[in-house]
Amino acid sequence: MPQIDYFLSTISPFTYLAGTRLEEIAAKHGATVTYKPVDIGGLFGRTGGTALKDRPEGRREYRLQEMTRQAAKAGMKINLQPMFWPTNAAPSAYAIIAAQAAKAKGAAGDLGAFVHSILRACWADERDIASDEVIRDLLSKAGFEADLADKGLLLGAETYANNLEEAVNRGVFGSPFYLVDSGQRFWGQDRLDDLDLHLAGKL
């Protein structure tokens, strides 16, 4: 059974634009997914990336055009300048970590749907994913206990920090980033078709 380690930032527009395609691909091939939220600012700072505010104007303009095109291709709504962005990604990352830990212990809830709901809240629904109220609502709607993240703050903080170290050590430099236990790495939502082909043994 293939294993995919999924490194993601909950404030990344291109991670939002991946939708639930990773989960669909994993189900198709009988693969398991481990979600590993990372601090994208910390990751950029250690892997040669450049923060958006520090990029040349041409690159910032291209990013907006690409977001628009990719959203249209995916049939997804996107707000190019969300009301609550940038925001503190840590609370939503901690919630994902807590939900994943709960699932490992047999709890109910749809982890993939929860992850996507966080990204959609930021990039389409004009909601602040740093808000405890928003996170509780999204947890509940995904079938988890609403106060799950409140109970897992220490685990969340420790795992979030460890995920960053792991990402750097394993060659991750952006979000979304997919690492398969075959050793193959895929960066970007526009490489999900390649991931699909790889799991099918065609690439």
N, C-alpha and C. Protein backbone atom coordinates (compact mmCIF):
# COMPACT_ATOMS: atom_id res chain seq x y z
N MET A 1 0.84 -1.20 0.00
CA MET A 1 0.00 0.00 0.00
C MET A 1 0.88 1.25 0.00
N PRO A 2 0.76 2.09 -1.03
CA PRO A 2 1.59 3.30 -1.08
C PRO A 2 1.28 4.24 0.08
N GLN A 3 2.29 4.97 0.49
CA GLN A 3 2.16 5.97 1.54
C GLN A 3 2.55 7.33 0.99
N ILE A 4 1.71 8.33 1.22
CA ILE A 4 1.98 9.70 0.76
C ILE A 4 2.08 10.61 1.97
N ASP A 5 3.20 11.28 2.12
CA ASP A 5 3.34 12.32 3.14
C ASP A 5 3.03 13.65 2.45
N TYR A 6 2.02 14.31 2.98
CA TYR A 6 1.49 15.52 2.34
C TYR A 6 1.85 16.73 3.19
N PHE A 7 2.84 17.50 2.72
CA PHE A 7 3.26 18.72 3.40
C PHE A 7 2.47 19.89 2.82
N LEU A 8 1.84 20.65 3.71
CA LEU A 8 0.95 21.70 3.24
C LEU A 8 0.96 22.90 4.17
N SER A 9 0.67 24.04 3.59
CA SER A 9 0.41 25.26 4.35
C SER A 9 -1.07 25.57 4.25
N THR A 10 -1.70 25.87 5.36
CA THR A 10 -3.13 26.15 5.36
C THR A 10 -3.46 27.55 4.84
N ILE A 11 -2.46 28.33 4.48
CA ILE A 11 -2.71 29.66 3.90
C ILE A 11 -2.21 29.75 2.46
N SER A 12 -1.96 28.60 1.85
CA SER A 12 -1.46 28.56 0.47
C SER A 12 -2.61 28.48 -0.53
N PRO A 13 -2.69 29.42 -1.48
CA PRO A 13 -3.78 29.36 -2.46
C PRO A 13 -3.69 28.14 -3.36
N PHE A 14 -2.48 27.72 -3.68
CA PHE A 14 -2.35 26.57 -4.58
C PHE A 14 -2.67 25.26 -3.86
N THR A 15 -2.50 25.24 -2.56
CA THR A 15 -2.95 24.09 -1.79
C THR A 15 -4.48 24.04 -1.79
N TYR A 16 -5.11 25.19 -1.66
CA TYR A 16 -6.57 25.25 -1.77
C TYR A 16 -7.02 24.72 -3.13
N LEU A 17 -6.32 25.14 -4.19
CA LEU A 17 -6.72 24.77 -5.54
C LEU A 17 -6.52 23.29 -5.85
N ALA A 18 -5.84 22.57 -4.97
CA ALA A 18 -5.75 21.12 -5.12
C ALA A 18 -7.09 20.46 -4.84
N GLY A 19 -7.97 21.18 -4.15
CA GLY A 19 -9.27 20.62 -3.82
C GLY A 19 -9.13 19.33 -3.03
N THR A 20 -9.91 18.34 -3.38
CA THR A 20 -9.84 17.02 -2.73
C THR A 20 -9.27 15.98 -3.68
N ARG A 21 -8.52 16.44 -4.67
CA ARG A 21 -7.99 15.51 -5.68
C ARG A 21 -6.99 14.52 -5.08
N LEU A 22 -6.19 14.97 -4.10
CA LEU A 22 -5.25 14.03 -3.48
C LEU A 22 -6.00 12.88 -2.84
N GLU A 23 -7.04 13.18 -2.11
CA GLU A 23 -7.81 12.13 -1.44
C GLU A 23 -8.44 11.18 -2.45
N GLU A 24 -8.90 11.73 -3.57
CA GLU A 24 -9.49 10.89 -4.61
C GLU A 24 -8.44 9.98 -5.24
N ILE A 25 -7.27 10.51 -5.49
CA ILE A 25 -6.18 9.72 -6.07
C ILE A 25 -5.72 8.64 -5.10
N ALA A 26 -5.60 9.01 -3.84
CA ALA A 26 -5.18 8.03 -2.82
C ALA A 26 -6.18 6.89 -2.73
N ALA A 27 -7.47 7.22 -2.73
CA ALA A 27 -8.50 6.18 -2.65
C ALA A 27 -8.44 5.27 -3.88
N LYS A 28 -8.19 5.85 -5.02
CA LYS A 28 -8.13 5.09 -6.28
C LYS A 28 -7.03 4.04 -6.25
N HIS A 29 -5.91 4.38 -5.61
CA HIS A 29 -4.74 3.49 -5.61
C HIS A 29 -4.54 2.77 -4.28
N GLY A 30 -5.46 2.93 -3.36
CA GLY A 30 -5.31 2.29 -2.06
C GLY A 30 -4.15 2.85 -1.25
N ALA A 31 -3.84 4.14 -1.46
CA ALA A 31 -2.73 4.78 -0.74
C ALA A 31 -3.22 5.42 0.55
N THR A 32 -2.34 5.52 1.52
CA THR A 32 -2.64 6.24 2.75
C THR A 32 -1.96 7.61 2.70
N VAL A 33 -2.59 8.57 3.35
CA VAL A 33 -2.08 9.95 3.36
C VAL A 33 -1.82 10.38 4.79
N THR A 34 -0.65 10.94 5.03
CA THR A 34 -0.34 11.57 6.31
C THR A 34 -0.20 13.06 6.08
N TYR A 35 -1.01 13.84 6.77
CA TYR A 35 -1.02 15.29 6.61
C TYR A 35 0.03 15.91 7.52
N LYS A 36 0.87 16.78 6.94
CA LYS A 36 1.96 17.38 7.69
C LYS A 36 1.96 18.90 7.47
N PRO A 37 1.13 19.62 8.21
CA PRO A 37 1.11 21.09 8.07
C PRO A 37 2.46 21.69 8.44
N VAL A 38 2.89 22.67 7.65
CA VAL A 38 4.18 23.31 7.90
C VAL A 38 4.04 24.83 7.90
N ASP A 39 4.96 25.48 8.58
CA ASP A 39 5.06 26.94 8.58
C ASP A 39 5.73 27.35 7.27
N ILE A 40 4.96 27.87 6.32
CA ILE A 40 5.49 28.15 5.00
C ILE A 40 6.54 29.25 5.03
N GLY A 41 6.38 30.23 5.91
CA GLY A 41 7.39 31.27 6.03
C GLY A 41 8.72 30.71 6.50
N GLY A 42 8.66 29.85 7.51
CA GLY A 42 9.87 29.21 7.99
C GLY A 42 10.49 28.32 6.93
N LEU A 43 9.65 27.64 6.16
CA LEU A 43 10.15 26.76 5.11
C LEU A 43 10.84 27.55 4.01
N PHE A 44 10.21 28.64 3.56
CA PHE A 44 10.84 29.48 2.54
C PHE A 44 12.20 29.99 3.01
N GLY A 45 12.24 30.43 4.27
CA GLY A 45 13.46 31.02 4.80
C GLY A 45 14.62 30.05 4.84
N ARG A 46 14.32 28.75 4.86
CA ARG A 46 15.39 27.74 4.98
C ARG A 46 15.64 26.96 3.71
N THR A 47 14.84 27.21 2.67
CA THR A 47 15.00 26.41 1.45
C THR A 47 15.12 27.26 0.19
N GLY A 48 15.41 28.55 0.36
CA GLY A 48 15.65 29.40 -0.81
C GLY A 48 14.41 30.06 -1.38
N GLY A 49 13.28 29.94 -0.73
CA GLY A 49 12.07 30.60 -1.20
C GLY A 49 12.06 32.08 -0.87
N THR A 50 11.16 32.81 -1.50
CA THR A 50 11.05 34.25 -1.28
C THR A 50 9.63 34.58 -0.86
N ALA A 51 9.49 35.29 0.26
CA ALA A 51 8.17 35.70 0.72
C ALA A 51 7.50 36.56 -0.35
N LEU A 52 6.18 36.49 -0.42
CA LEU A 52 5.44 37.20 -1.45
C LEU A 52 5.77 38.69 -1.47
N LYS A 53 5.86 39.31 -0.30
CA LYS A 53 6.11 40.75 -0.23
C LYS A 53 7.47 41.13 -0.77
N ASP A 54 8.38 40.16 -0.83
CA ASP A 54 9.74 40.44 -1.29
C ASP A 54 9.96 40.06 -2.75
N ARG A 55 8.95 39.57 -3.42
CA ARG A 55 9.10 39.17 -4.82
C ARG A 55 8.96 40.38 -5.74
N PRO A 56 9.60 40.35 -6.89
CA PRO A 56 9.44 41.44 -7.87
C PRO A 56 7.99 41.55 -8.33
N GLU A 57 7.61 42.73 -8.76
CA GLU A 57 6.22 42.98 -9.16
C GLU A 57 5.75 42.01 -10.24
N GLY A 58 6.62 41.72 -11.20
CA GLY A 58 6.24 40.81 -12.27
C GLY A 58 5.86 39.44 -11.76
N ARG A 59 6.57 38.95 -10.77
CA ARG A 59 6.26 37.64 -10.20
C ARG A 59 4.97 37.69 -9.41
N ARG A 60 4.71 38.80 -8.72
CA ARG A 60 3.45 38.91 -7.97
C ARG A 60 2.26 38.96 -8.92
N GLU A 61 2.41 39.67 -10.03
CA GLU A 61 1.33 39.75 -11.02
C GLU A 61 1.08 38.38 -11.66
N TYR A 62 2.15 37.68 -11.96
CA TYR A 62 2.01 36.35 -12.57
C TYR A 62 1.28 35.40 -11.62
N ARG A 63 1.60 35.49 -10.35
CA ARG A 63 0.94 34.64 -9.36
C ARG A 63 -0.57 34.83 -9.40
N LEU A 64 -1.03 36.08 -9.47
CA LEU A 64 -2.47 36.35 -9.50
C LEU A 64 -3.11 35.80 -10.77
N GLN A 65 -2.42 35.96 -11.90
CA GLN A 65 -2.95 35.41 -13.13
C GLN A 65 -3.04 33.89 -13.07
N GLU A 66 -2.02 33.28 -12.53
CA GLU A 66 -2.00 31.82 -12.43
C GLU A 66 -3.08 31.31 -11.47
N MET A 67 -3.28 32.00 -10.38
CA MET A 67 -4.36 31.62 -9.46
C MET A 67 -5.71 31.67 -10.16
N THR A 68 -5.93 32.72 -10.96
CA THR A 68 -7.18 32.88 -11.68
C THR A 68 -7.37 31.75 -12.69
N ARG A 69 -6.31 31.44 -13.44
CA ARG A 69 -6.40 30.38 -14.45
C ARG A 69 -6.63 29.02 -13.80
N GLN A 70 -5.88 28.73 -12.75
CA GLN A 70 -6.00 27.42 -12.12
C GLN A 70 -7.37 27.24 -11.46
N ALA A 71 -7.90 28.31 -10.88
CA ALA A 71 -9.23 28.23 -10.29
C ALA A 71 -10.28 27.95 -11.36
N ALA A 72 -10.14 28.62 -12.52
CA ALA A 72 -11.08 28.41 -13.61
C ALA A 72 -11.00 26.97 -14.12
N LYS A 73 -9.81 26.44 -14.25
CA LYS A 73 -9.64 25.06 -14.71
C LYS A 73 -10.26 24.07 -13.74
N ALA A 74 -10.14 24.36 -12.46
CA ALA A 74 -10.67 23.46 -11.44
C ALA A 74 -12.16 23.69 -11.15
N GLY A 75 -12.70 24.77 -11.72
CA GLY A 75 -14.10 25.10 -11.44
C GLY A 75 -14.31 25.51 -9.99
N MET A 76 -13.34 26.22 -9.43
CA MET A 76 -13.39 26.60 -8.03
C MET A 76 -13.43 28.11 -7.88
N LYS A 77 -14.19 28.56 -6.90
CA LYS A 77 -14.23 29.97 -6.55
C LYS A 77 -12.94 30.33 -5.82
N ILE A 78 -12.41 31.52 -6.11
CA ILE A 78 -11.24 31.99 -5.37
C ILE A 78 -11.29 33.51 -5.25
N ASN A 79 -10.89 34.00 -4.10
CA ASN A 79 -10.75 35.43 -3.86
C ASN A 79 -9.26 35.73 -3.89
N LEU A 80 -8.83 36.53 -4.85
CA LEU A 80 -7.39 36.79 -5.01
C LEU A 80 -6.81 37.58 -3.85
N GLN A 81 -7.64 38.33 -3.15
CA GLN A 81 -7.17 39.11 -2.01
C GLN A 81 -8.13 38.90 -0.84
N PRO A 82 -8.03 37.76 -0.16
CA PRO A 82 -8.96 37.43 0.91
C PRO A 82 -8.91 38.45 2.05
N MET A 83 -10.03 38.64 2.67
CA MET A 83 -10.13 39.57 3.78
C MET A 83 -9.21 39.17 4.94
N PHE A 84 -9.08 37.86 5.18
CA PHE A 84 -8.30 37.38 6.31
C PHE A 84 -7.04 36.65 5.82
N TRP A 85 -6.24 37.36 5.05
CA TRP A 85 -4.97 36.81 4.56
C TRP A 85 -4.00 37.95 4.35
N PRO A 86 -2.76 37.82 4.80
CA PRO A 86 -2.25 36.66 5.54
C PRO A 86 -2.78 36.63 6.96
N THR A 87 -2.78 35.44 7.52
CA THR A 87 -3.22 35.26 8.89
C THR A 87 -2.33 34.23 9.56
N ASN A 88 -2.50 34.05 10.84
CA ASN A 88 -1.71 33.08 11.58
C ASN A 88 -2.16 31.67 11.22
N ALA A 89 -1.30 30.91 10.58
CA ALA A 89 -1.66 29.56 10.13
C ALA A 89 -1.58 28.53 11.25
N ALA A 90 -0.93 28.86 12.35
CA ALA A 90 -0.70 27.86 13.39
C ALA A 90 -1.98 27.24 13.96
N PRO A 91 -3.00 28.03 14.33
CA PRO A 91 -4.20 27.41 14.91
C PRO A 91 -4.84 26.36 14.00
N SER A 92 -4.94 26.65 12.71
CA SER A 92 -5.54 25.68 11.79
C SER A 92 -4.63 24.47 11.61
N ALA A 93 -3.32 24.69 11.62
CA ALA A 93 -2.39 23.57 11.52
C ALA A 93 -2.50 22.68 12.75
N TYR A 94 -2.58 23.28 13.93
CA TYR A 94 -2.74 22.50 15.16
C TYR A 94 -4.02 21.67 15.11
N ALA A 95 -5.09 22.25 14.54
CA ALA A 95 -6.36 21.54 14.47
C ALA A 95 -6.25 20.32 13.56
N ILE A 96 -5.55 20.45 12.45
CA ILE A 96 -5.35 19.31 11.55
C ILE A 96 -4.57 18.22 12.26
N ILE A 97 -3.53 18.61 12.97
CA ILE A 97 -2.70 17.65 13.71
C ILE A 97 -3.54 16.93 14.76
N ALA A 98 -4.37 17.68 15.47
CA ALA A 98 -5.22 17.08 16.50
C ALA A 98 -6.25 16.13 15.89
N ALA A 99 -6.83 16.53 14.76
CA ALA A 99 -7.82 15.68 14.10
C ALA A 99 -7.19 14.40 13.58
N GLN A 100 -5.99 14.52 13.05
CA GLN A 100 -5.29 13.32 12.55
C GLN A 100 -4.97 12.37 13.68
N ALA A 101 -4.54 12.91 14.81
CA ALA A 101 -4.24 12.07 15.98
C ALA A 101 -5.51 11.39 16.48
N ALA A 102 -6.63 12.11 16.46
CA ALA A 102 -7.90 11.53 16.89
C ALA A 102 -8.32 10.41 15.95
N LYS A 103 -8.14 10.61 14.65
CA LYS A 103 -8.47 9.56 13.68
C LYS A 103 -7.65 8.31 13.92
N ALA A 104 -6.37 8.50 14.28
CA ALA A 104 -5.50 7.36 14.53
C ALA A 104 -5.98 6.52 15.72
N LYS A 105 -6.75 7.16 16.59
CA LYS A 105 -7.30 6.47 17.76
C LYS A 105 -8.73 5.98 17.53
N GLY A 106 -9.19 6.11 16.29
CA GLY A 106 -10.50 5.58 15.95
C GLY A 106 -11.65 6.57 15.97
N ALA A 107 -11.35 7.85 16.10
CA ALA A 107 -12.42 8.85 16.14
C ALA A 107 -13.10 8.97 14.79
N ALA A 108 -14.35 9.41 14.81
CA ALA A 108 -15.07 9.69 13.58
C ALA A 108 -14.57 11.01 13.00
N GLY A 109 -14.96 11.28 11.77
CA GLY A 109 -14.58 12.54 11.13
C GLY A 109 -13.89 12.30 9.81
N ASP A 110 -14.05 13.24 8.90
CA ASP A 110 -13.45 13.18 7.58
C ASP A 110 -12.28 14.15 7.54
N LEU A 111 -11.07 13.62 7.65
CA LEU A 111 -9.88 14.46 7.76
C LEU A 111 -9.62 15.25 6.48
N GLY A 112 -9.73 14.59 5.34
CA GLY A 112 -9.50 15.28 4.08
C GLY A 112 -10.48 16.42 3.87
N ALA A 113 -11.75 16.17 4.20
CA ALA A 113 -12.76 17.22 4.07
C ALA A 113 -12.48 18.38 5.01
N PHE A 114 -11.99 18.07 6.21
CA PHE A 114 -11.67 19.12 7.16
C PHE A 114 -10.53 19.99 6.65
N VAL A 115 -9.48 19.35 6.15
CA VAL A 115 -8.34 20.10 5.63
C VAL A 115 -8.79 21.03 4.50
N HIS A 116 -9.57 20.50 3.58
CA HIS A 116 -10.02 21.33 2.47
C HIS A 116 -10.94 22.45 2.95
N SER A 117 -11.74 22.18 3.96
CA SER A 117 -12.65 23.22 4.45
C SER A 117 -11.89 24.40 5.04
N ILE A 118 -10.75 24.14 5.64
CA ILE A 118 -9.91 25.22 6.17
C ILE A 118 -9.42 26.10 5.02
N LEU A 119 -8.89 25.46 4.00
CA LEU A 119 -8.38 26.20 2.85
C LEU A 119 -9.49 26.97 2.13
N ARG A 120 -10.64 26.34 1.99
CA ARG A 120 -11.77 27.00 1.34
C ARG A 120 -12.25 28.19 2.18
N ALA A 121 -12.23 28.03 3.49
CA ALA A 121 -12.65 29.12 4.37
C ALA A 121 -11.80 30.36 4.13
N CYS A 122 -10.50 30.16 3.95
CA CYS A 122 -9.59 31.28 3.72
C CYS A 122 -9.75 31.88 2.33
N TRP A 123 -9.76 31.02 1.30
CA TRP A 123 -9.63 31.49 -0.08
C TRP A 123 -10.94 31.67 -0.83
N ALA A 124 -12.05 31.24 -0.23
CA ALA A 124 -13.33 31.41 -0.92
C ALA A 124 -14.44 31.96 -0.04
N ASP A 125 -14.37 31.69 1.26
CA ASP A 125 -15.51 31.99 2.13
C ASP A 125 -15.30 33.20 3.03
N GLU A 126 -14.14 33.87 2.92
CA GLU A 126 -13.87 35.08 3.71
C GLU A 126 -14.01 34.82 5.21
N ARG A 127 -13.37 33.75 5.68
CA ARG A 127 -13.39 33.43 7.11
C ARG A 127 -11.96 33.41 7.62
N ASP A 128 -11.79 33.78 8.87
CA ASP A 128 -10.46 33.86 9.49
C ASP A 128 -10.11 32.52 10.11
N ILE A 129 -9.19 31.78 9.48
CA ILE A 129 -8.84 30.45 9.97
C ILE A 129 -7.92 30.50 11.18
N ALA A 130 -7.60 31.69 11.66
CA ALA A 130 -6.90 31.81 12.94
C ALA A 130 -7.90 31.92 14.09
N SER A 131 -9.18 32.00 13.77
CA SER A 131 -10.22 32.16 14.78
C SER A 131 -10.62 30.82 15.38
N ASP A 132 -10.62 30.74 16.70
CA ASP A 132 -11.05 29.51 17.37
C ASP A 132 -12.48 29.15 17.00
N GLU A 133 -13.33 30.15 16.87
CA GLU A 133 -14.73 29.91 16.53
C GLU A 133 -14.86 29.26 15.16
N VAL A 134 -14.10 29.76 14.20
CA VAL A 134 -14.14 29.19 12.85
C VAL A 134 -13.62 27.76 12.85
N ILE A 135 -12.52 27.53 13.53
CA ILE A 135 -11.94 26.19 13.58
C ILE A 135 -12.89 25.20 14.23
N ARG A 136 -13.54 25.60 15.33
CA ARG A 136 -14.49 24.71 15.98
C ARG A 136 -15.65 24.37 15.05
N ASP A 137 -16.12 25.37 14.32
CA ASP A 137 -17.22 25.15 13.39
C ASP A 137 -16.82 24.17 12.29
N LEU A 138 -15.63 24.34 11.73
CA LEU A 138 -15.17 23.47 10.66
C LEU A 138 -14.92 22.05 11.15
N LEU A 139 -14.39 21.92 12.35
CA LEU A 139 -14.21 20.59 12.94
C LEU A 139 -15.55 19.88 13.08
N SER A 140 -16.51 20.59 13.61
CA SER A 140 -17.83 20.00 13.82
C SER A 140 -18.46 19.58 12.50
N LYS A 141 -18.37 20.41 11.50
CA LYS A 141 -18.98 20.10 10.20
C LYS A 141 -18.29 18.92 9.52
N ALA A 142 -17.02 18.67 9.86
CA ALA A 142 -16.30 17.52 9.29
C ALA A 142 -16.48 16.26 10.12
N GLY A 143 -17.28 16.35 11.19
CA GLY A 143 -17.59 15.17 11.98
C GLY A 143 -16.70 14.95 13.19
N PHE A 144 -15.88 15.95 13.53
CA PHE A 144 -15.00 15.84 14.69
C PHE A 144 -15.61 16.57 15.89
N GLU A 145 -15.06 16.31 17.07
CA GLU A 145 -15.46 17.08 18.25
C GLU A 145 -15.00 18.52 18.06
N ALA A 146 -15.88 19.44 18.35
CA ALA A 146 -15.59 20.85 18.09
C ALA A 146 -14.41 21.37 18.89
N ASP A 147 -14.18 20.82 20.08
CA ASP A 147 -13.11 21.33 20.94
C ASP A 147 -11.82 20.52 20.80
N LEU A 148 -11.71 19.74 19.74
CA LEU A 148 -10.56 18.86 19.57
C LEU A 148 -9.24 19.62 19.58
N ALA A 149 -9.19 20.74 18.87
CA ALA A 149 -7.93 21.49 18.78
C ALA A 149 -7.56 22.09 20.13
N ASP A 150 -8.55 22.49 20.93
CA ASP A 150 -8.27 23.06 22.25
C ASP A 150 -7.55 22.06 23.14
N LYS A 151 -7.91 20.79 22.98
CA LYS A 151 -7.30 19.74 23.81
C LYS A 151 -5.91 19.36 23.33
N GLY A 152 -5.59 19.70 22.07
CA GLY A 152 -4.33 19.22 21.50
C GLY A 152 -3.32 20.30 21.21
N LEU A 153 -3.33 21.38 21.99
CA LEU A 153 -2.43 22.50 21.71
C LEU A 153 -0.96 22.12 21.81
N LEU A 154 -0.60 21.36 22.85
CA LEU A 154 0.80 20.98 23.03
C LEU A 154 1.26 20.05 21.91
N LEU A 155 0.43 19.05 21.61
CA LEU A 155 0.76 18.14 20.51
C LEU A 155 0.88 18.92 19.21
N GLY A 156 -0.05 19.84 19.00
CA GLY A 156 -0.01 20.63 17.77
C GLY A 156 1.25 21.44 17.63
N ALA A 157 1.63 22.13 18.69
CA ALA A 157 2.83 22.97 18.64
C ALA A 157 4.08 22.13 18.39
N GLU A 158 4.19 21.01 19.09
CA GLU A 158 5.38 20.16 18.93
C GLU A 158 5.44 19.56 17.53
N THR A 159 4.31 19.06 17.05
CA THR A 159 4.30 18.41 15.74
C THR A 159 4.52 19.43 14.63
N TYR A 160 3.94 20.60 14.77
CA TYR A 160 4.11 21.65 13.75
C TYR A 160 5.58 22.01 13.60
N ALA A 161 6.28 22.15 14.71
CA ALA A 161 7.71 22.44 14.67
C ALA A 161 8.49 21.28 14.06
N ASN A 162 8.13 20.06 14.46
CA ASN A 162 8.82 18.88 13.93
C ASN A 162 8.57 18.71 12.43
N ASN A 163 7.37 19.06 11.99
CA ASN A 163 7.06 18.95 10.56
C ASN A 163 7.96 19.85 9.74
N LEU A 164 8.26 21.03 10.24
CA LEU A 164 9.13 21.95 9.52
C LEU A 164 10.53 21.35 9.38
N GLU A 165 11.05 20.82 10.48
CA GLU A 165 12.38 20.21 10.42
C GLU A 165 12.39 19.03 9.45
N GLU A 166 11.35 18.21 9.51
CA GLU A 166 11.26 17.07 8.60
C GLU A 166 11.19 17.53 7.16
N ALA A 167 10.39 18.56 6.91
CA ALA A 167 10.25 19.06 5.55
C ALA A 167 11.60 19.51 4.99
N VAL A 168 12.32 20.29 5.76
CA VAL A 168 13.63 20.78 5.32
C VAL A 168 14.57 19.61 5.04
N ASN A 169 14.58 18.63 5.94
CA ASN A 169 15.49 17.49 5.82
C ASN A 169 15.14 16.58 4.65
N ARG A 170 13.87 16.62 4.22
CA ARG A 170 13.44 15.71 3.15
C ARG A 170 13.29 16.41 1.81
N GLY A 171 13.76 17.64 1.71
CA GLY A 171 13.77 18.31 0.42
C GLY A 171 12.49 18.99 0.03
N VAL A 172 11.62 19.25 0.99
CA VAL A 172 10.38 19.97 0.70
C VAL A 172 10.69 21.47 0.66
N PHE A 173 10.09 22.19 -0.31
CA PHE A 173 10.38 23.63 -0.40
C PHE A 173 9.16 24.46 -0.75
N GLY A 174 7.97 23.88 -0.76
CA GLY A 174 6.78 24.64 -1.07
C GLY A 174 5.53 23.88 -0.66
N SER A 175 4.38 24.42 -1.02
CA SER A 175 3.10 23.82 -0.66
C SER A 175 2.11 24.02 -1.80
N PRO A 176 1.41 22.96 -2.21
CA PRO A 176 1.42 21.60 -1.64
C PRO A 176 2.60 20.78 -2.15
N PHE A 177 3.03 19.85 -1.33
CA PHE A 177 4.18 19.01 -1.66
C PHE A 177 3.85 17.59 -1.23
N TYR A 178 4.02 16.65 -2.16
CA TYR A 178 3.63 15.26 -1.93
C TYR A 178 4.87 14.36 -2.04
N LEU A 179 5.15 13.60 -0.98
CA LEU A 179 6.27 12.67 -0.98
C LEU A 179 5.72 11.25 -0.88
N VAL A 180 6.07 10.43 -1.86
CA VAL A 180 5.62 9.04 -1.89
C VAL A 180 6.73 8.16 -1.32
N ASP A 181 6.34 7.07 -0.69
CA ASP A 181 7.36 6.21 -0.09
C ASP A 181 8.25 5.53 -1.13
N SER A 182 7.93 5.69 -2.42
CA SER A 182 8.81 5.22 -3.50
C SER A 182 10.04 6.10 -3.64
N GLY A 183 10.00 7.28 -3.00
CA GLY A 183 11.09 8.25 -3.12
C GLY A 183 10.78 9.39 -4.07
N GLN A 184 9.66 9.29 -4.79
CA GLN A 184 9.29 10.35 -5.74
C GLN A 184 8.64 11.53 -5.01
N ARG A 185 8.96 12.74 -5.49
CA ARG A 185 8.43 13.97 -4.89
C ARG A 185 7.67 14.76 -5.95
N PHE A 186 6.57 15.35 -5.55
CA PHE A 186 5.73 16.12 -6.46
C PHE A 186 5.38 17.45 -5.79
N TRP A 187 5.67 18.55 -6.48
CA TRP A 187 5.42 19.89 -5.92
C TRP A 187 4.33 20.58 -6.73
N GLY A 188 3.29 21.00 -6.06
CA GLY A 188 2.25 21.79 -6.69
C GLY A 188 1.01 20.99 -7.03
N GLN A 189 -0.13 21.66 -6.95
CA GLN A 189 -1.39 21.00 -7.28
C GLN A 189 -1.45 20.62 -8.75
N ASP A 190 -0.64 21.26 -9.57
CA ASP A 190 -0.63 20.95 -11.00
C ASP A 190 0.23 19.73 -11.31
N ARG A 191 0.74 19.06 -10.28
CA ARG A 191 1.48 17.81 -10.47
C ARG A 191 0.70 16.60 -9.94
N LEU A 192 -0.56 16.82 -9.59
CA LEU A 192 -1.36 15.70 -9.08
C LEU A 192 -1.61 14.65 -10.15
N ASP A 193 -1.73 15.06 -11.42
CA ASP A 193 -1.89 14.07 -12.49
C ASP A 193 -0.64 13.19 -12.58
N ASP A 194 0.52 13.80 -12.38
CA ASP A 194 1.76 13.02 -12.39
C ASP A 194 1.80 12.05 -11.21
N LEU A 195 1.35 12.49 -10.06
CA LEU A 195 1.28 11.60 -8.90
C LEU A 195 0.37 10.42 -9.19
N ASP A 196 -0.78 10.70 -9.81
CA ASP A 196 -1.72 9.65 -10.19
C ASP A 196 -1.06 8.63 -11.11
N LEU A 197 -0.37 9.12 -12.12
CA LEU A 197 0.31 8.23 -13.07
C LEU A 197 1.41 7.42 -12.39
N HIS A 198 2.11 8.06 -11.47
CA HIS A 198 3.18 7.35 -10.75
C HIS A 198 2.60 6.21 -9.92
N LEU A 199 1.53 6.47 -9.22
CA LEU A 199 0.92 5.42 -8.40
C LEU A 199 0.35 4.30 -9.26
N ALA A 200 0.01 4.63 -10.51
CA ALA A 200 -0.48 3.61 -11.43
C ALA A 200 0.65 2.83 -12.10
N GLY A 201 1.90 3.21 -11.80
CA GLY A 201 3.04 2.54 -12.36
C GLY A 201 3.36 2.97 -13.78
N LYS A 202 2.86 4.13 -14.19
CA LYS A 202 3.05 4.61 -15.56
C LYS A 202 4.06 5.75 -15.65
N LEU A 203 4.57 6.19 -14.52
CA LEU A 203 5.48 7.34 -14.52
C LEU A 203 6.51 7.19 -13.40
